[in-house]
């Protein structure tokens, strides 16, 4: 795969809409009515959500950079191998990319 293709796929992954996550249920514990929970002022709630979104965006950028680095390394390993030799490093690198890509997908959905 060409580097430009890898970069394009990573960027496409970053811009998938967030709105496809399942509706969130409240943090309600069994036997505890919502009115028994301490009320969080709406302004504080919005501020907490904003900070969480900023942190998620920072994490996504960091993970996307790492994905690009790992993809480039994988490409280099594959270029060095031939049809008779598949390096264990290639398999490990591909698994690492897969796990990180899944993590990015989950973060983008807001799960």
Protein backbone atom coordinates (compact mmCIF):
# COMPACT_ATOMS: atom_id res chain seq x y z
CA UNK A 1 0.00 0.00 0.00
CA UNK A 2 1.32 3.43 -0.81
CA UNK A 3 1.94 5.91 1.95
CA UNK A 4 -0.60 8.30 0.46
CA UNK A 5 -3.26 5.58 0.61
CA UNK A 6 -2.46 4.86 4.24
CA UNK A 7 -2.61 8.55 5.12
CA UNK A 8 -5.91 8.90 3.26
CA UNK A 9 -7.43 5.95 5.12
CA UNK A 10 -6.28 7.31 8.47
CA UNK A 11 -7.68 10.75 7.71
CA UNK A 12 -10.95 9.19 6.55
CA UNK A 13 -11.13 7.29 9.83
CA UNK A 14 -10.64 10.54 11.74
CA UNK A 15 -13.55 12.28 10.04
CA UNK A 16 -16.21 9.59 10.49
CA UNK A 17 -19.21 11.27 12.12
CA UNK A 18 -19.57 10.78 15.85
CA UNK A 19 -23.37 10.56 15.76
CA UNK A 20 -23.62 6.82 15.17
CA UNK A 21 -23.19 5.71 18.77
CA UNK A 22 -26.03 4.13 20.64
CA UNK A 23 -28.10 6.37 22.90
CA UNK A 24 -26.60 6.68 26.32
CA UNK A 25 -28.48 5.48 29.32
CA UNK A 26 -28.25 7.40 32.53
CA UNK A 27 -25.77 6.50 35.23
CA UNK A 28 -28.64 5.22 37.31
CA UNK A 29 -27.85 2.54 39.86
CA UNK A 30 -30.50 -0.04 40.68
CA UNK A 31 -32.69 1.08 43.55
CA UNK A 32 -31.59 4.72 43.39
CA UNK A 33 -33.98 7.19 41.84
CA UNK A 34 -32.48 9.92 39.62
CA UNK A 35 -33.68 12.60 42.05
CA UNK A 36 -31.50 11.02 44.77
CA UNK A 37 -28.36 11.69 42.74
CA UNK A 38 -26.51 14.93 43.41
CA UNK A 39 -27.48 17.53 40.84
CA UNK A 40 -24.71 18.90 38.65
CA UNK A 41 -25.34 22.46 37.50
CA UNK A 42 -25.89 22.62 33.72
CA UNK A 43 -22.94 24.98 33.25
CA UNK A 44 -20.60 22.60 35.11
CA UNK A 45 -21.97 19.66 33.10
CA UNK A 46 -21.28 21.49 29.82
CA UNK A 47 -17.77 22.36 30.98
CA UNK A 48 -17.07 18.74 31.92
CA UNK A 49 -18.35 17.54 28.54
CA UNK A 50 -16.23 20.13 26.74
CA UNK A 51 -13.08 19.03 28.61
CA UNK A 52 -13.86 15.38 27.89
CA UNK A 53 -14.29 16.15 24.18
CA UNK A 54 -11.03 18.10 24.07
CA UNK A 55 -9.21 15.22 25.77
CA UNK A 56 -10.77 12.72 23.37
CA UNK A 57 -9.70 14.86 20.39
CA UNK A 58 -6.15 15.10 21.76
CA UNK A 59 -6.06 11.33 22.23
CA UNK A 60 -7.38 10.79 18.70
CA UNK A 61 -4.67 13.01 17.20
CA UNK A 62 -1.97 11.20 19.19
CA UNK A 63 -3.31 7.80 18.18
CA UNK A 64 -3.60 8.82 14.51
CA UNK A 65 0.05 9.91 14.53
CA UNK A 66 1.02 6.58 16.06
CA UNK A 67 -1.06 4.73 13.45
CA UNK A 68 0.78 6.57 10.69
CA UNK A 69 4.14 5.70 12.25
CA UNK A 70 3.20 2.04 12.70
CA UNK A 71 1.83 1.82 9.17
CA UNK A 72 5.04 3.25 7.76
CA UNK A 73 7.09 0.77 9.79
CA UNK A 74 4.87 -2.09 8.60
CA UNK A 75 5.39 -1.02 5.00
CA UNK A 76 9.16 -1.02 5.52
CA UNK A 77 9.07 -4.52 7.04
CA UNK A 78 6.93 -5.81 4.18
CA UNK A 79 9.26 -4.24 1.61
CA UNK A 80 12.20 -6.08 3.20
CA UNK A 81 10.43 -9.45 3.17
CA UNK A 82 9.82 -11.74 0.22
CA UNK A 83 7.33 -14.47 -0.70
CA UNK A 84 9.31 -17.07 1.26
CA UNK A 85 9.80 -15.01 4.42
CA UNK A 86 7.16 -13.39 6.56
CA UNK A 87 8.78 -11.76 9.54
CA UNK A 88 7.29 -12.16 13.00
CA UNK A 89 7.80 -8.39 13.30
CA UNK A 90 5.34 -7.88 10.42
CA UNK A 91 2.65 -9.91 12.17
CA UNK A 92 3.23 -8.15 15.51
CA UNK A 93 3.16 -4.72 13.85
CA UNK A 94 -0.09 -5.56 12.02
CA UNK A 95 -1.69 -6.70 15.30
CA UNK A 96 -0.57 -3.51 17.03
CA UNK A 97 -2.08 -1.44 14.22
CA UNK A 98 -5.32 -3.39 14.43
CA UNK A 99 -5.65 -2.82 18.19
CA UNK A 100 -4.86 0.88 17.90
CA UNK A 101 -7.28 1.33 15.00
CA UNK A 102 -10.03 -0.32 17.04
CA UNK A 103 -9.25 1.98 19.96
CA UNK A 104 -9.48 5.02 17.68
CA UNK A 105 -12.79 3.79 16.29
CA UNK A 106 -14.24 3.39 19.80
CA UNK A 107 -13.03 6.84 20.86
CA UNK A 108 -14.53 8.42 17.75
CA UNK A 109 -17.91 6.89 18.54
CA UNK A 110 -17.73 8.26 22.05
CA UNK A 111 -18.30 4.83 23.65
